[in-house]
Amino acid sequence: MRIYNTLPGKKEKFVPQEAGIVKMYVCGITPYDKSHLGHARTFVSFDFIRRYLLFKGFKVTFVQNITDIDDKIIKRAKQRKVLPLELSKKYSKMYEKEEKELGIMKPDFAPKVSENIPKIIELIKRIEKNGFCYTTKSGVYFDVLKFKEYGKLSHQSTEKIRAGARVEVDETKKNPHDFALWKLEEEPGATFDSPWGKGRPGWHIECSAMSTSILGDTLDIHGGARDLIFPHHENEICQSEAGTGKPFVKYWLHTGFLTVNKEKMAKSLGNFITIEEGLKKYKSQQIRMFFALSHYRSPIDFSEDAICAAGNSLNTLHSAIKAARTYPLPAKGSGNLQKEAINAEKEFVAAMDDDFDSPNAFAALFLLAKRISGECSDGTAGKNEALIAAEKLEKLLSVFGLGPKEKEKKGINKKKIEEMLRKRDEAREKKDYAASDKIRDELEKQGIVVEDRKDGKTVWRNK
């Protein structure tokens, strides 16, 4: 496997620290409001990556934090006249429900800032002992100029960072780009004791403290959206390595943005669509397929047409699987489908091993689906080989959490459907096409798709 590592800015062979074991951390939500589809793009993409690593046989420990104490949360809580943890708990629970609906696997660990204050304080004390921070009347600050490799992730010099960085304005700091490890501010519901005084953690320190306390000083994979490269992930590196003296992360992975009219989807721009809204309008598998058809590092421009097209593409793959399962012929067949299935898996794995190249992985699946549907329609496939090929297709789709959902629709009566199809066949033999079409339409209203195959057989499936 080769994956693109943001740190060197190139693809590298993937070799975790321990053979067969992957320690993986992804930056999670700051629940001051509803999460949007831009967040979903990142979290679903890392769900794909996690699932593929499991498919490859790795044991993956997956950690994703919840930033339940933050300046944005405090500001919004004041506006709503509630305590910060009340607000963040409300939106955290909402995201957990949406995460499940989107088919995202639950993290093995989901640490919260409010529950890890002692660990955060301990890391700051280590950074202080090693001489990388200083204290002022407003807080404890990391001294960026003392960390010689600052800027190595974002590939910027300290001078360039000084000129254009997003910085916290504070006249007590030595340098504008030094950042807070601990803020000496007292806010109702967001104040904790520390050796430096009452206050709360800065934004960046939480991820370093919580990830290393669970996974150890060095992580195999750290992920997040592209906009976190600087300053968040850059700051995570310097504070972690200043505290432990060890490399913080082997492989840095970053997702491209979800855009609207080529502009990043963001709450600050007001152009976002919440996950809640998205799930009301589209099926969760439509949304997952929409993300899967683009490379995780590429930007995706959101549109209703694109999501609907993705759903149709997924239906094509599911239809091939259902065609094989309802295929009645016991014919021996040519054996081509089994070979096609073997080749499809090889091409799928080759694509995914190349920096999780999902578009090319799906190209192999679409070709296999086309062959399955074609031979089932022509009646040239053997029953067993059609099923074997379909099982392979379903197995590979499941890597993306996109296998067919087999729940029967309420109210479906198989015997009644078979009886209706028998009457339809009789109508067709009599060339009473009006009666035939009427039965097809009645079944369509019940969510049943009728397919007339080239071999003369009629099959049905759920929509």
Foldseek 3Di string as FASTA:
>chain_A
DWAQFLLVRGIDQQDFPDPQEAEEEEEAEAQLDFAFVQRVLFQLQVLLVVLVSVVVRHHYQYEYEYAQDAPSLLVSCVVVVHASNVRSVVNVVVVVVLCVQLVRDDHPYYYYQVVCVVLLLVLVVLLVVLPQWDADPFAIWGNVVVQPCQCSSVVDDPVVCLVDPDFDDDPRDPGRRIFHQWTQDDDVNAWDQHPRGIGHGHDQSVVLRVSCVPRNLEGAEYEYAPVCSPPRVSVSQRSSCSRPVDGHYNGYDHFYAAAEVPHGADVVVVNTHGSVNVVVVDRSLLSLQLSLLAQRRDYHYDDPVSSVVSVVLLVLLQVLLVLLVQQPDQDAADLVLLVLLVVLVVQLCVCCSHNHNRNSNVVSLNVSSVVSVVCSLVVRHHSVSSNVSSVSSQVSCVSSPSHDDPDDDPPDDVVVLVVLVVVLVVCVVVVVVVSNVVSQVVVVVVQKHWDQGPVRDIDIDGD
